[in-house]
């Protein structure tokens, strides 16, 4: 009878140890599994790169750097943060531009106006699609769906002035009353 109690105590102790180990090796959410798949299948343009400032153990928060090789923003370096929800892909990632930029589709706080990050998001879309969408904003800024209405108006009404403003901003100058850090 004493031997039976010792066996039960040993089983309880093993279960407790297994639970403690299981807590440190947490189970991945469906969103983390899908994101891992998306990241392993990335096919980025050579002017884009991805990094994980919190280490590879935190896939849900990462940065994408875009260095446009064409258009108004040629030579610039723009960093975006991605925060991915555990319910991804049923919810679009939250994307912000860390680089202050003069752009009709990115406001001065870094909010990004990209339809696939809002009303046109669908679970079949992926991180690769979002990065290409961001890249496209730099090759073809859109004055018809702006967050920065002043930049959009200049792009629409005076593309040469818009180009001059972009260059001035990228070299760390002022556009109107707004100062921009150098990003070229």
N, C-alpha and C. Protein backbone atom coordinates (compact mmCIF):
# COMPACT_ATOMS: atom_id res chain seq x y z
N UNK A 1 0.81 -1.19 0.00
CA UNK A 1 0.00 0.00 0.00
C UNK A 1 0.86 1.26 0.00
N UNK A 2 1.93 1.27 0.77
CA UNK A 2 2.83 2.42 0.81
C UNK A 2 3.46 2.63 -0.56
N UNK A 3 3.80 1.54 -1.26
CA UNK A 3 4.38 1.64 -2.60
C UNK A 3 3.43 2.31 -3.59
N UNK A 4 2.10 2.08 -3.44
CA UNK A 4 1.10 2.67 -4.32
C UNK A 4 1.06 4.19 -4.15
N UNK A 5 1.13 4.66 -2.89
CA UNK A 5 1.14 6.10 -2.64
C UNK A 5 2.37 6.77 -3.25
N UNK A 6 3.52 6.10 -3.15
CA UNK A 6 4.75 6.66 -3.71
C UNK A 6 4.66 6.76 -5.24
N UNK A 7 4.03 5.78 -5.89
CA UNK A 7 3.85 5.81 -7.35
C UNK A 7 2.96 6.98 -7.74
N UNK A 8 1.86 7.17 -6.99
CA UNK A 8 0.95 8.27 -7.28
C UNK A 8 1.64 9.63 -7.06
N UNK A 9 2.42 9.75 -6.00
CA UNK A 9 3.16 10.99 -5.75
C UNK A 9 4.15 11.26 -6.88
N UNK A 10 4.81 10.20 -7.33
CA UNK A 10 5.78 10.34 -8.42
C UNK A 10 5.08 10.79 -9.70
N UNK A 11 3.90 10.24 -9.99
CA UNK A 11 3.15 10.62 -11.18
C UNK A 11 2.72 12.09 -11.11
N UNK A 12 2.26 12.51 -9.92
CA UNK A 12 1.87 13.91 -9.74
C UNK A 12 3.06 14.85 -9.96
N UNK A 13 4.21 14.45 -9.41
CA UNK A 13 5.43 15.26 -9.56
C UNK A 13 5.83 15.36 -11.03
N UNK A 14 5.77 14.24 -11.76
CA UNK A 14 6.12 14.26 -13.19
C UNK A 14 5.15 15.14 -13.97
N UNK A 15 3.85 15.05 -13.66
CA UNK A 15 2.85 15.87 -14.34
C UNK A 15 3.12 17.35 -14.08
N UNK A 16 3.46 17.68 -12.84
CA UNK A 16 3.76 19.07 -12.48
C UNK A 16 4.99 19.57 -13.26
N UNK A 17 6.03 18.74 -13.34
CA UNK A 17 7.24 19.12 -14.09
C UNK A 17 6.93 19.28 -15.58
N UNK A 18 6.13 18.39 -16.14
CA UNK A 18 5.76 18.49 -17.55
C UNK A 18 4.97 19.75 -17.83
N UNK A 19 4.05 20.13 -16.92
CA UNK A 19 3.28 21.36 -17.08
C UNK A 19 4.19 22.58 -17.03
N UNK A 20 5.15 22.56 -16.14
CA UNK A 20 6.09 23.69 -16.03
C UNK A 20 6.90 23.82 -17.32
N UNK A 21 7.35 22.71 -17.87
CA UNK A 21 8.10 22.75 -19.13
C UNK A 21 7.21 23.22 -20.28
N UNK A 22 5.97 22.77 -20.29
CA UNK A 22 5.03 23.15 -21.35
C UNK A 22 4.73 24.63 -21.34
N UNK A 23 4.73 25.25 -20.15
CA UNK A 23 4.46 26.68 -20.07
C UNK A 23 5.57 27.48 -20.71
N UNK A 24 6.82 27.01 -20.59
CA UNK A 24 7.92 27.76 -21.18
C UNK A 24 7.97 27.56 -22.69
N UNK A 25 7.52 26.42 -23.18
CA UNK A 25 7.47 26.17 -24.62
C UNK A 25 6.03 26.33 -25.06
N UNK A 26 5.55 27.60 -25.12
CA UNK A 26 4.14 27.84 -25.37
C UNK A 26 3.73 27.37 -26.77
N UNK A 27 2.48 27.02 -26.85
CA UNK A 27 1.92 26.54 -28.11
C UNK A 27 1.73 27.73 -29.04
N UNK A 28 2.08 27.56 -30.31
CA UNK A 28 1.92 28.64 -31.27
C UNK A 28 0.46 28.78 -31.68
N UNK A 29 0.02 30.04 -31.85
CA UNK A 29 -1.34 30.28 -32.32
C UNK A 29 -1.40 30.00 -33.82
N UNK A 30 -2.61 29.89 -34.34
CA UNK A 30 -2.79 29.67 -35.77
C UNK A 30 -2.17 30.84 -36.56
N UNK A 31 -2.30 32.05 -36.00
CA UNK A 31 -1.71 33.22 -36.65
C UNK A 31 -0.20 33.14 -36.74
N UNK A 32 0.44 32.65 -35.65
CA UNK A 32 1.90 32.50 -35.65
C UNK A 32 2.33 31.45 -36.67
N UNK A 33 1.58 30.36 -36.75
CA UNK A 33 1.92 29.32 -37.72
C UNK A 33 1.80 29.84 -39.15
N UNK A 34 0.72 30.57 -39.43
CA UNK A 34 0.54 31.13 -40.78
C UNK A 34 1.62 32.16 -41.08
N UNK A 35 1.95 33.00 -40.11
CA UNK A 35 2.99 34.01 -40.31
C UNK A 35 4.33 33.35 -40.57
N UNK A 36 4.65 32.30 -39.84
CA UNK A 36 5.90 31.57 -40.06
C UNK A 36 5.96 31.06 -41.49
N UNK A 37 4.86 30.52 -41.98
CA UNK A 37 4.77 30.04 -43.36
C UNK A 37 4.99 31.20 -44.34
N UNK A 38 4.30 32.33 -44.09
CA UNK A 38 4.44 33.50 -44.97
C UNK A 38 5.89 33.98 -45.04
N UNK A 39 6.54 34.02 -43.88
CA UNK A 39 7.91 34.54 -43.84
C UNK A 39 8.88 33.59 -44.55
N UNK A 40 8.67 32.29 -44.39
CA UNK A 40 9.57 31.35 -45.07
C UNK A 40 9.38 31.38 -46.58
N UNK A 41 8.20 31.81 -47.04
CA UNK A 41 7.91 31.85 -48.47
C UNK A 41 8.08 33.24 -49.08
N UNK A 42 8.65 34.19 -48.33
CA UNK A 42 8.81 35.55 -48.85
C UNK A 42 9.64 35.55 -50.14
N UNK A 43 9.20 36.38 -51.06
CA UNK A 43 9.91 36.57 -52.33
C UNK A 43 10.00 38.08 -52.54
N UNK A 44 10.89 38.73 -51.78
CA UNK A 44 10.96 40.18 -51.76
C UNK A 44 11.76 40.74 -52.93
N UNK A 45 11.40 41.97 -53.36
CA UNK A 45 12.26 42.65 -54.32
C UNK A 45 13.63 42.87 -53.67
N UNK A 46 14.67 42.97 -54.47
CA UNK A 46 16.01 43.12 -53.90
C UNK A 46 16.17 44.42 -53.11
N UNK A 47 15.27 45.37 -53.31
CA UNK A 47 15.34 46.64 -52.58
C UNK A 47 14.57 46.61 -51.26
N UNK A 48 14.09 45.44 -50.85
CA UNK A 48 13.37 45.29 -49.59
C UNK A 48 14.06 44.24 -48.72
N UNK A 49 14.03 44.47 -47.40
CA UNK A 49 14.59 43.48 -46.48
C UNK A 49 13.73 43.43 -45.22
N UNK A 50 13.84 42.32 -44.50
CA UNK A 50 13.06 42.11 -43.29
C UNK A 50 14.02 41.84 -42.14
N UNK A 51 13.68 42.34 -40.95
CA UNK A 51 14.51 42.07 -39.77
C UNK A 51 13.60 41.88 -38.56
N UNK A 52 14.14 41.23 -37.55
CA UNK A 52 13.41 40.92 -36.33
C UNK A 52 14.14 41.53 -35.15
N UNK A 53 13.84 42.79 -34.80
CA UNK A 53 14.57 43.48 -33.73
C UNK A 53 14.44 42.80 -32.37
N UNK A 54 13.36 42.06 -32.13
CA UNK A 54 13.16 41.37 -30.86
C UNK A 54 13.66 39.93 -30.90
N UNK A 55 14.34 39.55 -31.99
CA UNK A 55 14.85 38.19 -32.13
C UNK A 55 13.86 37.29 -32.86
N UNK A 56 14.35 36.15 -33.29
CA UNK A 56 13.53 35.21 -34.07
C UNK A 56 12.40 34.58 -33.25
N UNK A 57 12.44 34.73 -31.91
CA UNK A 57 11.37 34.18 -31.09
C UNK A 57 10.11 35.04 -31.13
N UNK A 58 10.21 36.25 -31.65
CA UNK A 58 9.07 37.15 -31.75
C UNK A 58 8.79 37.45 -33.22
N UNK A 59 8.17 36.49 -33.89
CA UNK A 59 7.85 36.66 -35.31
C UNK A 59 6.72 37.65 -35.53
N UNK A 60 5.91 37.90 -34.51
CA UNK A 60 4.71 38.72 -34.68
C UNK A 60 5.01 40.22 -34.77
N UNK A 61 6.26 40.60 -34.48
CA UNK A 61 6.68 42.00 -34.57
C UNK A 61 7.99 42.04 -35.33
N UNK A 62 7.97 42.73 -36.47
CA UNK A 62 9.18 42.79 -37.28
C UNK A 62 9.22 44.10 -38.05
N UNK A 63 10.33 44.33 -38.71
CA UNK A 63 10.51 45.54 -39.51
C UNK A 63 10.85 45.18 -40.95
N UNK A 64 10.36 46.01 -41.84
CA UNK A 64 10.67 45.87 -43.26
C UNK A 64 11.30 47.19 -43.70
N UNK A 65 12.44 47.08 -44.37
CA UNK A 65 13.12 48.25 -44.91
C UNK A 65 12.96 48.25 -46.42
N UNK A 66 12.54 49.41 -46.94
CA UNK A 66 12.35 49.57 -48.39
C UNK A 66 13.29 50.66 -48.86
N UNK A 67 14.09 50.32 -49.88
CA UNK A 67 15.00 51.27 -50.52
C UNK A 67 14.61 51.35 -52.00
N UNK A 68 13.69 52.28 -52.33
CA UNK A 68 13.20 52.34 -53.71
C UNK A 68 14.32 52.50 -54.72
N UNK A 69 14.21 51.76 -55.82
CA UNK A 69 15.22 51.82 -56.87
C UNK A 69 14.70 52.53 -58.11
N UNK A 70 13.57 53.26 -57.94
CA UNK A 70 12.97 53.98 -59.06
C UNK A 70 12.02 55.03 -58.50
N UNK A 71 11.71 56.03 -59.27
CA UNK A 71 10.69 57.00 -58.91
C UNK A 71 11.20 58.15 -58.04
N UNK A 72 10.24 58.87 -57.49
CA UNK A 72 10.53 60.05 -56.67
C UNK A 72 11.41 59.75 -55.47
N UNK A 73 11.29 58.56 -54.90
CA UNK A 73 11.96 58.22 -53.64
C UNK A 73 13.24 57.42 -53.85
N UNK A 74 13.76 57.42 -55.06
CA UNK A 74 14.99 56.71 -55.40
C UNK A 74 16.11 57.08 -54.42
N UNK A 75 16.75 56.07 -53.84
CA UNK A 75 17.87 56.30 -52.93
C UNK A 75 17.48 56.45 -51.47
N UNK A 76 16.20 56.60 -51.18
CA UNK A 76 15.77 56.73 -49.79
C UNK A 76 15.73 55.39 -49.08
N UNK A 77 15.66 55.45 -47.77
CA UNK A 77 15.57 54.24 -46.95
C UNK A 77 14.42 54.44 -45.97
N UNK A 78 13.41 53.59 -46.06
CA UNK A 78 12.19 53.74 -45.28
C UNK A 78 11.91 52.47 -44.50
N UNK A 79 11.72 52.62 -43.19
CA UNK A 79 11.53 51.47 -42.31
C UNK A 79 10.07 51.43 -41.83
N UNK A 80 9.48 50.25 -41.93
CA UNK A 80 8.11 50.02 -41.50
C UNK A 80 8.08 48.97 -40.40
N UNK A 81 7.25 49.20 -39.38
CA UNK A 81 7.06 48.19 -38.34
C UNK A 81 5.76 47.43 -38.65
N UNK A 82 5.81 46.15 -38.40
CA UNK A 82 4.65 45.28 -38.57
C UNK A 82 4.31 44.68 -37.22
N UNK A 83 3.05 44.76 -36.82
CA UNK A 83 2.54 44.07 -35.64
C UNK A 83 1.43 43.16 -36.13
N UNK A 84 1.63 41.87 -35.93
CA UNK A 84 0.70 40.89 -36.45
C UNK A 84 -0.11 40.31 -35.30
N UNK A 85 -1.40 40.29 -35.46
CA UNK A 85 -2.32 39.78 -34.44
C UNK A 85 -2.31 38.26 -34.41
N UNK A 86 -2.61 37.67 -33.25
CA UNK A 86 -2.71 36.20 -33.18
C UNK A 86 -3.82 35.64 -34.07
N UNK A 87 -4.78 36.47 -34.48
CA UNK A 87 -5.85 35.99 -35.36
C UNK A 87 -5.53 36.17 -36.85
N UNK A 88 -4.30 36.62 -37.15
CA UNK A 88 -3.84 36.69 -38.54
C UNK A 88 -4.02 35.31 -39.16
N UNK A 89 -4.48 35.19 -40.36
CA UNK A 89 -4.70 36.16 -41.42
C UNK A 89 -6.12 36.74 -41.48
N UNK A 90 -6.92 36.50 -40.45
CA UNK A 90 -8.29 37.03 -40.47
C UNK A 90 -8.33 38.52 -40.16
N UNK A 91 -7.21 39.05 -39.75
CA UNK A 91 -7.06 40.48 -39.48
C UNK A 91 -5.74 40.92 -40.11
N UNK A 92 -5.78 42.07 -40.77
CA UNK A 92 -4.57 42.59 -41.43
C UNK A 92 -3.53 42.98 -40.38
N UNK A 93 -2.24 42.89 -40.74
CA UNK A 93 -1.21 43.37 -39.81
C UNK A 93 -1.31 44.89 -39.64
N UNK A 94 -0.85 45.36 -38.49
CA UNK A 94 -0.79 46.81 -38.24
C UNK A 94 0.59 47.26 -38.73
N UNK A 95 0.60 48.21 -39.65
CA UNK A 95 1.84 48.67 -40.27
C UNK A 95 1.99 50.16 -40.05
N UNK A 96 3.18 50.57 -39.60
CA UNK A 96 3.49 51.99 -39.43
C UNK A 96 4.85 52.26 -40.05
N UNK A 97 5.00 53.46 -40.58
CA UNK A 97 6.28 53.89 -41.14
C UNK A 97 7.05 54.61 -40.04
N UNK A 98 8.23 54.07 -39.69
CA UNK A 98 9.07 54.69 -38.65
C UNK A 98 9.83 55.89 -39.19
N UNK A 99 10.00 55.93 -40.50
CA UNK A 99 10.75 57.02 -41.15
C UNK A 99 9.77 58.14 -41.50
N UNK A 100 10.02 59.34 -40.98
CA UNK A 100 9.17 60.47 -41.32
C UNK A 100 9.40 60.79 -42.80
N UNK A 101 8.31 60.80 -43.56
CA UNK A 101 8.43 60.92 -45.00
C UNK A 101 7.36 61.86 -45.56
N UNK A 102 7.73 62.61 -46.59
CA UNK A 102 6.80 63.46 -47.32
C UNK A 102 6.17 62.59 -48.40
N UNK A 103 4.94 62.15 -48.13
CA UNK A 103 4.29 61.19 -49.04
C UNK A 103 2.78 61.37 -48.94
N UNK A 104 2.08 61.33 -50.07
CA UNK A 104 0.62 61.51 -50.00
C UNK A 104 -0.11 60.38 -49.27
N UNK A 105 0.46 59.19 -49.23
CA UNK A 105 -0.23 58.03 -48.63
C UNK A 105 0.32 57.62 -47.27
N UNK A 106 1.23 58.43 -46.72
CA UNK A 106 1.78 58.18 -45.39
C UNK A 106 1.77 59.51 -44.65
N UNK A 107 1.09 59.56 -43.51
CA UNK A 107 1.05 60.83 -42.79
C UNK A 107 2.30 61.00 -41.92
N UNK A 108 2.40 62.15 -41.29
CA UNK A 108 3.61 62.48 -40.53
C UNK A 108 3.75 61.65 -39.26
N UNK A 109 2.69 60.97 -38.82
CA UNK A 109 2.77 60.07 -37.67
C UNK A 109 3.12 58.64 -38.08
N UNK A 110 3.25 58.39 -39.39
CA UNK A 110 3.63 57.07 -39.88
C UNK A 110 2.48 56.16 -40.26
N UNK A 111 1.25 56.66 -40.18
CA UNK A 111 0.11 55.86 -40.61
C UNK A 111 0.15 55.69 -42.13
N UNK A 112 -0.23 54.52 -42.58
CA UNK A 112 -0.11 54.18 -44.00
C UNK A 112 -1.50 53.98 -44.59
N UNK A 113 -1.74 54.61 -45.73
CA UNK A 113 -2.99 54.44 -46.45
C UNK A 113 -2.76 53.45 -47.59
N UNK A 114 -3.11 52.20 -47.33
CA UNK A 114 -2.97 51.15 -48.32
C UNK A 114 -4.23 50.30 -48.20
N UNK A 115 -5.02 50.22 -49.27
CA UNK A 115 -6.33 49.58 -49.21
C UNK A 115 -6.29 48.15 -48.67
N UNK A 116 -5.24 47.39 -48.96
CA UNK A 116 -5.21 46.00 -48.48
C UNK A 116 -4.92 45.91 -46.99
N UNK A 117 -4.57 47.03 -46.35
CA UNK A 117 -4.41 47.03 -44.89
C UNK A 117 -5.71 47.44 -44.20
N UNK A 118 -6.72 47.77 -45.00
CA UNK A 118 -8.01 48.21 -44.43
C UNK A 118 -9.14 47.41 -45.05
N UNK A 119 -9.96 48.09 -45.82
CA UNK A 119 -11.20 47.49 -46.31
C UNK A 119 -11.00 46.34 -47.31
N UNK A 120 -9.89 46.30 -48.01
CA UNK A 120 -9.68 45.25 -49.00
C UNK A 120 -8.86 44.07 -48.49
N UNK A 121 -8.62 44.01 -47.17
CA UNK A 121 -7.87 42.88 -46.62
C UNK A 121 -8.72 41.62 -46.73
N UNK A 122 -8.07 40.53 -47.13
CA UNK A 122 -8.71 39.22 -47.18
C UNK A 122 -7.70 38.20 -46.65
N UNK A 123 -8.16 37.14 -45.99
CA UNK A 123 -7.24 36.15 -45.43
C UNK A 123 -6.34 35.46 -46.47
N UNK A 124 -6.68 35.53 -47.74
CA UNK A 124 -5.81 34.92 -48.75
C UNK A 124 -4.58 35.78 -49.02
N UNK A 125 -4.62 37.05 -48.60
CA UNK A 125 -3.45 37.92 -48.76
C UNK A 125 -2.41 37.52 -47.72
N UNK A 126 -1.16 37.95 -47.95
CA UNK A 126 -0.09 37.57 -47.02
C UNK A 126 0.90 38.73 -46.85
N UNK A 127 1.93 38.49 -46.06
CA UNK A 127 2.93 39.51 -45.77
C UNK A 127 3.63 39.96 -47.05
N UNK A 128 3.91 39.02 -47.93
CA UNK A 128 4.56 39.35 -49.21
C UNK A 128 3.72 40.37 -49.98
N UNK A 129 2.40 40.17 -50.01
CA UNK A 129 1.50 41.09 -50.71
C UNK A 129 1.57 42.48 -50.09
N UNK A 130 1.59 42.54 -48.76
CA UNK A 130 1.64 43.83 -48.07
C UNK A 130 2.94 44.56 -48.40
N UNK A 131 4.05 43.84 -48.38
CA UNK A 131 5.35 44.46 -48.66
C UNK A 131 5.38 44.99 -50.10
N UNK A 132 4.87 44.22 -51.04
CA UNK A 132 4.80 44.71 -52.42
C UNK A 132 3.89 45.92 -52.54
N UNK A 133 2.81 45.94 -51.76
CA UNK A 133 1.93 47.11 -51.75
C UNK A 133 2.64 48.35 -51.24
N UNK A 134 3.42 48.20 -50.16
CA UNK A 134 4.20 49.32 -49.63
C UNK A 134 5.24 49.78 -50.65
N UNK A 135 5.92 48.82 -51.26
CA UNK A 135 6.92 49.13 -52.28
C UNK A 135 6.28 49.93 -53.41
N UNK A 136 5.08 49.52 -53.81
CA UNK A 136 4.36 50.19 -54.90
C UNK A 136 4.02 51.64 -54.54
N UNK A 137 3.76 51.91 -53.24
CA UNK A 137 3.48 53.29 -52.83
C UNK A 137 4.65 54.22 -53.14
N UNK A 138 5.87 53.68 -53.11
CA UNK A 138 7.04 54.52 -53.39
C UNK A 138 7.31 54.66 -54.88
N UNK A 139 6.93 53.67 -55.66
CA UNK A 139 7.16 53.79 -57.11
C UNK A 139 6.03 54.56 -57.77
N UNK A 140 4.82 54.48 -57.20
CA UNK A 140 3.67 55.20 -57.76
C UNK A 140 2.78 55.73 -56.64
N UNK A 141 3.18 56.86 -56.02
CA UNK A 141 2.33 57.43 -54.96
C UNK A 141 0.96 57.80 -55.54
N UNK A 142 -0.07 57.68 -54.72
CA UNK A 142 -1.45 57.87 -55.17
C UNK A 142 -2.05 59.12 -54.54
N UNK A 143 -2.30 60.14 -55.34
CA UNK A 143 -2.88 61.38 -54.82
C UNK A 143 -4.39 61.28 -54.64
N UNK A 144 -5.01 60.21 -55.12
CA UNK A 144 -6.47 60.08 -55.06
C UNK A 144 -6.97 59.52 -53.72
N UNK A 145 -6.11 58.90 -52.92
CA UNK A 145 -6.51 58.33 -51.64
C UNK A 145 -5.48 58.73 -50.58
N UNK A 146 -5.43 60.05 -50.26
CA UNK A 146 -4.32 60.54 -49.41
C UNK A 146 -4.58 60.48 -47.92
N UNK A 147 -3.47 60.42 -47.18
CA UNK A 147 -3.47 60.71 -45.74
C UNK A 147 -2.84 62.08 -45.53
N UNK A 148 -1.84 62.41 -46.34
CA UNK A 148 -1.21 63.72 -46.31
C UNK A 148 -1.79 64.51 -47.49
N UNK A 149 -2.85 65.27 -47.19
CA UNK A 149 -3.59 65.98 -48.25
C UNK A 149 -2.75 67.05 -48.95
N UNK A 150 -1.85 67.70 -48.20
CA UNK A 150 -0.99 68.72 -48.82
C UNK A 150 -0.07 68.10 -49.86
N UNK A 151 0.58 67.00 -49.51
CA UNK A 151 1.47 66.32 -50.46
C UNK A 151 0.68 65.81 -51.66
N UNK A 152 -0.53 65.31 -51.42
CA UNK A 152 -1.36 64.81 -52.52
C UNK A 152 -1.73 65.93 -53.48
N UNK A 153 -2.08 67.10 -52.94
CA UNK A 153 -2.45 68.24 -53.79
C UNK A 153 -1.26 68.69 -54.64
N UNK A 154 -0.07 68.72 -54.04
CA UNK A 154 1.12 69.12 -54.80
C UNK A 154 1.43 68.08 -55.89
N UNK A 155 1.32 66.80 -55.56
CA UNK A 155 1.57 65.75 -56.56
C UNK A 155 0.58 65.88 -57.72
N UNK A 156 -0.67 66.11 -57.40
CA UNK A 156 -1.71 66.23 -58.44
C UNK A 156 -1.53 67.49 -59.29
N UNK A 157 -1.25 68.64 -58.65
CA UNK A 157 -1.24 69.92 -59.35
C UNK A 157 0.11 70.33 -59.91
N UNK A 158 1.21 69.85 -59.28
CA UNK A 158 2.53 70.30 -59.70
C UNK A 158 3.57 69.20 -59.42
N UNK A 159 3.62 68.17 -60.27
CA UNK A 159 4.53 67.04 -60.04
C UNK A 159 6.00 67.44 -59.90
N UNK A 160 6.43 68.49 -60.60
CA UNK A 160 7.83 68.94 -60.48
C UNK A 160 8.10 69.48 -59.08
N UNK A 161 7.15 70.24 -58.55
CA UNK A 161 7.30 70.76 -57.18
C UNK A 161 7.26 69.61 -56.17
N UNK A 162 6.40 68.63 -56.42
CA UNK A 162 6.34 67.45 -55.55
C UNK A 162 7.69 66.76 -55.52
N UNK A 163 8.29 66.57 -56.68
CA UNK A 163 9.61 65.92 -56.75
C UNK A 163 10.64 66.72 -55.96
N UNK A 164 10.62 68.04 -56.10
CA UNK A 164 11.56 68.89 -55.36
C UNK A 164 11.32 68.77 -53.85
N UNK A 165 10.06 68.73 -53.43
CA UNK A 165 9.73 68.58 -52.01
C UNK A 165 10.21 67.24 -51.46
N UNK A 166 10.03 66.18 -52.24
CA UNK A 166 10.47 64.84 -51.81
C UNK A 166 11.98 64.85 -51.62
N UNK A 167 12.71 65.40 -52.57
CA UNK A 167 14.19 65.44 -52.48
C UNK A 167 14.62 66.26 -51.25
N UNK A 168 13.99 67.41 -51.05
CA UNK A 168 14.34 68.26 -49.91
C UNK A 168 14.09 67.51 -48.60
N UNK A 169 12.96 66.83 -48.51
CA UNK A 169 12.63 66.07 -47.30
C UNK A 169 13.61 64.92 -47.10
N UNK A 170 13.93 64.20 -48.15
CA UNK A 170 14.83 63.04 -48.01
C UNK A 170 16.24 63.47 -47.63
N UNK A 171 16.64 64.67 -47.99
CA UNK A 171 17.97 65.16 -47.63
C UNK A 171 17.99 65.87 -46.27
N UNK A 172 16.85 65.80 -45.55
CA UNK A 172 16.82 66.33 -44.20
C UNK A 172 16.43 67.79 -44.11
N UNK A 173 15.67 68.25 -45.07
CA UNK A 173 15.26 69.65 -45.07
C UNK A 173 13.84 69.86 -44.58
N UNK A 174 13.35 71.07 -44.83
CA UNK A 174 11.98 71.44 -44.47
C UNK A 174 11.11 71.43 -45.71
N UNK A 175 9.87 71.02 -45.53
CA UNK A 175 8.84 71.22 -46.54
C UNK A 175 7.75 71.97 -45.80
N UNK A 176 7.55 73.23 -46.18
CA UNK A 176 6.66 74.10 -45.42
C UNK A 176 7.26 74.30 -44.03
N UNK A 177 6.48 74.05 -43.00
CA UNK A 177 6.94 74.19 -41.62
C UNK A 177 7.42 72.88 -41.01
N UNK A 178 7.44 71.81 -41.81
CA UNK A 178 7.77 70.48 -41.30
C UNK A 178 9.20 70.10 -41.63
N UNK A 179 9.93 69.70 -40.60
CA UNK A 179 11.32 69.24 -40.75
C UNK A 179 11.32 67.71 -40.91
N UNK A 180 12.18 67.25 -41.79
CA UNK A 180 12.31 65.82 -42.04
C UNK A 180 13.74 65.38 -41.76
N UNK A 181 13.90 64.20 -41.19
CA UNK A 181 15.26 63.66 -40.99
C UNK A 181 15.81 63.13 -42.31
N UNK A 182 17.11 63.17 -42.45
CA UNK A 182 17.76 62.65 -43.65
C UNK A 182 17.53 61.13 -43.75
N UNK A 183 17.12 60.68 -44.91
CA UNK A 183 16.89 59.24 -45.09
C UNK A 183 17.51 58.73 -46.39
N UNK A 184 18.45 59.50 -46.90
CA UNK A 184 19.10 59.12 -48.17
C UNK A 184 20.57 58.85 -47.95
